């Protein structure tokens, strides 16, 4: 029974350690995406994408049955 208590204590300690390292990395900006915003302006949007979305929403409204 003593070994289970020891293993649980070690497991919780390691989990808290990993959580602390993860939080530290988040605060230091380790996971910030600095590449995508600079490349996003190089790709064009599909022409008529706003019109396509509007027509698709109208089509989906027609498929619904009103009671």
N, C-alpha and C. Protein backbone atom coordinates (compact mmCIF):
# COMPACT_ATOMS: atom_id res chain seq x y z
N UNK A 1 0.82 -1.19 0.00
CA UNK A 1 0.00 0.00 0.00
C UNK A 1 0.87 1.25 0.00
N UNK A 2 2.02 1.16 0.59
CA UNK A 2 2.93 2.31 0.65
C UNK A 2 3.49 2.67 -0.72
N UNK A 3 3.68 1.66 -1.58
CA UNK A 3 4.22 1.92 -2.91
C UNK A 3 3.21 2.68 -3.77
N UNK A 4 1.91 2.40 -3.58
CA UNK A 4 0.88 3.11 -4.34
C UNK A 4 0.88 4.59 -3.97
N UNK A 5 1.00 4.88 -2.69
CA UNK A 5 1.06 6.28 -2.25
C UNK A 5 2.28 6.97 -2.83
N UNK A 6 3.40 6.28 -2.86
CA UNK A 6 4.62 6.84 -3.42
C UNK A 6 4.47 7.10 -4.92
N UNK A 7 3.89 6.15 -5.65
CA UNK A 7 3.71 6.31 -7.09
C UNK A 7 2.73 7.44 -7.42
N UNK A 8 1.66 7.55 -6.65
CA UNK A 8 0.70 8.64 -6.88
C UNK A 8 1.36 9.98 -6.60
N UNK A 9 2.14 10.07 -5.55
CA UNK A 9 2.83 11.32 -5.22
C UNK A 9 3.81 11.71 -6.32
N UNK A 10 4.56 10.75 -6.81
CA UNK A 10 5.51 11.03 -7.90
C UNK A 10 4.77 11.43 -9.16
N UNK A 11 3.67 10.76 -9.47
CA UNK A 11 2.88 11.07 -10.67
C UNK A 11 2.31 12.48 -10.61
N UNK A 12 1.76 12.85 -9.48
CA UNK A 12 1.20 14.19 -9.33
C UNK A 12 2.30 15.24 -9.41
N UNK A 13 3.45 14.96 -8.83
CA UNK A 13 4.57 15.90 -8.89
C UNK A 13 5.03 16.11 -10.33
N UNK A 14 5.15 15.04 -11.09
CA UNK A 14 5.56 15.15 -12.49
C UNK A 14 4.50 15.89 -13.30
N UNK A 15 3.23 15.61 -13.04
CA UNK A 15 2.15 16.30 -13.76
C UNK A 15 2.18 17.79 -13.47
N UNK A 16 2.38 18.18 -12.24
CA UNK A 16 2.46 19.60 -11.88
C UNK A 16 3.69 20.23 -12.52
N UNK A 17 4.78 19.50 -12.59
CA UNK A 17 5.99 20.00 -13.23
C UNK A 17 5.74 20.26 -14.72
N UNK A 18 5.12 19.32 -15.41
CA UNK A 18 4.82 19.51 -16.83
C UNK A 18 3.84 20.66 -17.05
N UNK A 19 2.85 20.78 -16.18
CA UNK A 19 1.90 21.88 -16.28
C UNK A 19 2.60 23.23 -16.08
N UNK A 20 3.52 23.28 -15.14
CA UNK A 20 4.29 24.50 -14.91
C UNK A 20 5.15 24.87 -16.09
N UNK A 21 5.80 23.89 -16.70
CA UNK A 21 6.63 24.15 -17.88
C UNK A 21 5.76 24.60 -19.05
N UNK A 22 4.61 23.98 -19.22
CA UNK A 22 3.69 24.38 -20.29
C UNK A 22 3.23 25.82 -20.08
N UNK A 23 2.84 26.17 -18.87
CA UNK A 23 2.39 27.53 -18.57
C UNK A 23 3.52 28.53 -18.80
N UNK A 24 4.72 28.18 -18.42
CA UNK A 24 5.88 29.05 -18.61
C UNK A 24 6.13 29.29 -20.11
N UNK A 25 6.00 28.23 -20.92
CA UNK A 25 6.18 28.37 -22.37
C UNK A 25 5.08 29.23 -22.99
N UNK A 26 3.87 29.10 -22.51
CA UNK A 26 2.78 29.92 -23.03
C UNK A 26 3.00 31.39 -22.71
N UNK A 27 3.47 31.69 -21.52
CA UNK A 27 3.70 33.07 -21.13
C UNK A 27 4.90 33.68 -21.87
N UNK A 28 5.87 32.87 -22.24
CA UNK A 28 7.06 33.40 -22.91
C UNK A 28 6.87 33.51 -24.42
N UNK A 29 5.73 33.06 -24.95
CA UNK A 29 5.46 33.20 -26.38
C UNK A 29 6.02 32.07 -27.22
N UNK A 30 6.27 30.94 -26.63
CA UNK A 30 6.84 29.80 -27.34
C UNK A 30 5.93 29.33 -28.47
N UNK A 31 4.62 29.41 -28.28
CA UNK A 31 3.68 28.86 -29.24
C UNK A 31 3.03 29.92 -30.12
N UNK A 32 3.55 31.15 -30.11
CA UNK A 32 3.00 32.20 -30.97
C UNK A 32 3.33 31.90 -32.42
N UNK A 33 2.34 32.11 -33.28
CA UNK A 33 2.52 31.87 -34.71
C UNK A 33 2.94 33.17 -35.36
N UNK A 34 4.20 33.28 -35.70
CA UNK A 34 4.71 34.50 -36.33
C UNK A 34 4.85 34.35 -37.83
N UNK A 35 4.71 33.15 -38.35
CA UNK A 35 4.92 32.91 -39.78
C UNK A 35 3.66 33.11 -40.60
N UNK A 36 2.53 32.60 -40.14
CA UNK A 36 1.30 32.62 -40.93
C UNK A 36 0.81 34.01 -41.30
N UNK A 37 0.80 35.00 -40.39
CA UNK A 37 0.31 36.32 -40.80
C UNK A 37 1.12 36.95 -41.93
N UNK A 38 2.40 36.69 -42.00
CA UNK A 38 3.21 37.27 -43.07
C UNK A 38 2.96 36.60 -44.41
N UNK A 39 2.52 35.36 -44.41
CA UNK A 39 2.28 34.63 -45.65
C UNK A 39 0.83 34.76 -46.10
N UNK A 40 -0.07 35.04 -45.18
CA UNK A 40 -1.50 35.09 -45.49
C UNK A 40 -1.81 36.12 -46.57
N UNK A 41 -1.08 37.25 -46.60
CA UNK A 41 -1.38 38.28 -47.58
C UNK A 41 -0.93 37.89 -48.98
N UNK A 42 -0.15 36.84 -49.12
CA UNK A 42 0.32 36.42 -50.44
C UNK A 42 -0.73 35.61 -51.19
N UNK A 43 -1.69 35.04 -50.49
CA UNK A 43 -2.70 34.21 -51.13
C UNK A 43 -3.97 35.01 -51.36
N UNK A 44 -4.50 34.92 -52.57
CA UNK A 44 -5.73 35.63 -52.91
C UNK A 44 -6.94 34.85 -52.42
N UNK A 45 -7.97 35.59 -52.06
CA UNK A 45 -9.25 34.94 -51.75
C UNK A 45 -9.89 34.52 -53.05
N UNK A 46 -10.72 33.51 -52.98
CA UNK A 46 -11.42 33.06 -54.18
C UNK A 46 -12.41 34.15 -54.60
N UNK A 47 -12.46 34.47 -55.89
CA UNK A 47 -13.40 35.50 -56.32
C UNK A 47 -14.84 35.05 -56.12
N UNK A 48 -15.65 35.95 -55.62
CA UNK A 48 -17.06 35.63 -55.41
C UNK A 48 -17.31 34.78 -54.19
N UNK A 49 -16.37 34.71 -53.28
CA UNK A 49 -16.57 33.85 -52.12
C UNK A 49 -17.70 34.36 -51.24
N UNK A 50 -17.86 35.68 -51.13
CA UNK A 50 -18.95 36.23 -50.33
C UNK A 50 -20.30 35.94 -50.99
N UNK A 51 -20.36 36.04 -52.32
CA UNK A 51 -21.60 35.76 -53.02
C UNK A 51 -21.96 34.28 -52.92
N UNK A 52 -20.97 33.43 -52.97
CA UNK A 52 -21.21 31.99 -52.88
C UNK A 52 -21.77 31.63 -51.51
N UNK A 53 -21.24 32.23 -50.47
CA UNK A 53 -21.73 31.94 -49.13
C UNK A 53 -23.18 32.38 -48.97
N UNK A 54 -23.53 33.53 -49.54
CA UNK A 54 -24.90 34.01 -49.44
C UNK A 54 -25.86 33.09 -50.18
N UNK A 55 -25.47 32.66 -51.38
CA UNK A 55 -26.35 31.79 -52.15
C UNK A 55 -26.49 30.42 -51.50
N UNK A 56 -25.42 29.93 -50.87
CA UNK A 56 -25.50 28.65 -50.18
C UNK A 56 -26.43 28.73 -48.98
N UNK A 57 -26.40 29.86 -48.27
CA UNK A 57 -27.28 29.98 -47.11
C UNK A 57 -28.73 30.06 -47.55
N UNK A 58 -29.00 30.70 -48.70
CA UNK A 58 -30.36 30.75 -49.21
C UNK A 58 -30.83 29.36 -49.63
N UNK A 59 -29.94 28.58 -50.23
CA UNK A 59 -30.30 27.22 -50.62
C UNK A 59 -30.62 26.37 -49.40
N UNK A 60 -29.83 26.52 -48.34
CA UNK A 60 -30.07 25.71 -47.15
C UNK A 60 -31.38 26.11 -46.48
N UNK A 61 -31.78 27.39 -46.58
CA UNK A 61 -33.05 27.81 -46.01
C UNK A 61 -34.22 27.19 -46.77
N UNK A 62 -34.06 27.00 -48.07
CA UNK A 62 -35.14 26.43 -48.87
C UNK A 62 -35.34 24.95 -48.57
N UNK A 63 -34.31 24.29 -48.08
CA UNK A 63 -34.40 22.87 -47.81
C UNK A 63 -35.10 22.57 -46.49
N UNK A 64 -35.31 23.57 -45.67
CA UNK A 64 -35.96 23.34 -44.39
C UNK A 64 -37.47 23.35 -44.56
N UNK A 65 -38.12 22.48 -43.83
CA UNK A 65 -39.58 22.37 -43.89
C UNK A 65 -40.15 23.16 -42.73
N UNK A 66 -41.05 24.10 -43.03
CA UNK A 66 -41.68 24.86 -41.96
C UNK A 66 -42.96 24.16 -41.52
N UNK A 67 -43.18 24.15 -40.23
CA UNK A 67 -44.33 23.44 -39.68
C UNK A 67 -45.39 24.42 -39.25
